[in-house]
Amino acid sequence: MKYTIAYLAVLAMAEQDLEDYRKAQEEREAREAAARNQRAHGQVHGNTAGGSR
């Protein structure tokens, strides 16, 4: 019985880690998409992503 409880605890932790990882992945993808859109928008107006010098 002890092992079952430990096993369930490990499963619960793994599930939480997976959920955290998915959220972080979604946030990272959203930031990358925003950066891509910003660069593309800047190129339309003749600006570069690095700024003008």
C-alpha atoms as a PDB file:
ATOM      1  CA  MET A   1       0.000   0.000   0.000  1.00  0.00           C
ATOM      2  CA  LYS A   2       2.859   2.390   0.769  1.00  0.00           C
ATOM      3  CA  TYR A   3       4.158   2.021  -2.767  1.00  0.00           C
ATOM      4  CA  THR A   4       0.796   2.861  -4.309  1.00  0.00           C
ATOM      5  CA  ILE A   5       0.625   6.187  -2.470  1.00  0.00           C
ATOM      6  CA  ALA A   6       4.212   7.021  -3.418  1.00  0.00           C
ATOM      7  CA  TYR A   7       3.495   6.080  -7.027  1.00  0.00           C
ATOM      8  CA  LEU A   8       0.419   8.314  -7.128  1.00  0.00           C
ATOM      9  CA  ALA A   9       2.422  11.170  -5.631  1.00  0.00           C
ATOM     10  CA  VAL A  10       5.091  10.782  -8.324  1.00  0.00           C
ATOM     11  CA  LEU A  11       2.419  10.697 -11.041  1.00  0.00           C
ATOM     12  CA  ALA A  12       0.815  13.853  -9.661  1.00  0.00           C
ATOM     13  CA  MET A  13       4.181  15.657  -9.625  1.00  0.00           C
ATOM     14  CA  ALA A  14       4.961  14.532 -13.164  1.00  0.00           C
ATOM     15  CA  GLU A  15       1.566  15.722 -14.351  1.00  0.00           C
ATOM     16  CA  GLN A  16       2.113  19.139 -12.729  1.00  0.00           C
ATOM     17  CA  ASP A  17       5.559  19.412 -14.315  1.00  0.00           C
ATOM     18  CA  LEU A  18       4.081  18.579 -17.706  1.00  0.00           C
ATOM     19  CA  GLU A  19       1.389  21.214 -17.256  1.00  0.00           C
ATOM     20  CA  ASP A  20       3.980  23.836 -16.249  1.00  0.00           C
ATOM     21  CA  TYR A  21       6.132  22.876 -19.228  1.00  0.00           C
ATOM     22  CA  ARG A  22       3.175  23.214 -21.628  1.00  0.00           C
ATOM     23  CA  LYS A  23       2.296  26.653 -20.245  1.00  0.00           C
ATOM     24  CA  ALA A  24       5.906  27.808 -20.548  1.00  0.00           C
ATOM     25  CA  GLN A  25       6.056  26.435 -24.105  1.00  0.00           C
ATOM     26  CA  GLU A  26       2.870  28.295 -25.092  1.00  0.00           C
ATOM     27  CA  GLU A  27       4.185  31.546 -23.603  1.00  0.00           C
ATOM     28  CA  ARG A  28       7.509  31.127 -25.409  1.00  0.00           C
ATOM     29  CA  GLU A  29       5.740  30.467 -28.722  1.00  0.00           C
ATOM     30  CA  ALA A  30       3.522  33.512 -28.220  1.00  0.00           C
ATOM     31  CA  ARG A  31       6.564  35.717 -27.552  1.00  0.00           C
ATOM     32  CA  GLU A  32       8.371  34.356 -30.611  1.00  0.00           C
ATOM     33  CA  ALA A  33       5.312  34.938 -32.792  1.00  0.00           C
ATOM     34  CA  ALA A  34       5.007  38.500 -31.484  1.00  0.00           C
ATOM     35  CA  ALA A  35       8.680  39.134 -32.227  1.00  0.00           C
ATOM     36  CA  ARG A  36       8.295  37.725 -35.747  1.00  0.00           C
ATOM     37  CA  ASN A  37       5.239  39.906 -36.374  1.00  0.00           C
ATOM     38  CA  GLN A  38       7.034  42.966 -35.068  1.00  0.00           C
ATOM     39  CA  ARG A  39      10.040  42.328 -37.349  1.00  0.00           C
ATOM     40  CA  ALA A  40       7.805  41.707 -40.354  1.00  0.00           C
ATOM     41  CA  HIS A  41       5.847  44.868 -39.630  1.00  0.00           C
ATOM     42  CA  GLY A  42       9.071  46.874 -39.323  1.00  0.00           C
ATOM     43  CA  GLN A  43      10.314  45.600 -42.682  1.00  0.00           C
ATOM     44  CA  VAL A  44       7.111  46.747 -44.367  1.00  0.00           C
ATOM     45  CA  HIS A  45       7.832  50.273 -43.165  1.00  0.00           C
ATOM     46  CA  GLY A  46      11.508  50.123 -44.081  1.00  0.00           C
ATOM     47  CA  ASN A  47      12.744  49.648 -40.533  1.00  0.00           C
ATOM     48  CA  THR A  48      14.988  46.827 -39.398  1.00  0.00           C
ATOM     49  CA  ALA A  49      14.490  44.811 -36.233  1.00  0.00           C
ATOM     50  CA  GLY A  50      17.804  46.114 -34.897  1.00  0.00           C
ATOM     51  CA  GLY A  51      16.823  49.757 -35.250  1.00  0.00           C
ATOM     52  CA  SER A  52      18.214  52.327 -37.635  1.00  0.00           C
ATOM     53  CA  ARG A  53      21.742  53.667 -37.477  1.00  0.00           C
END
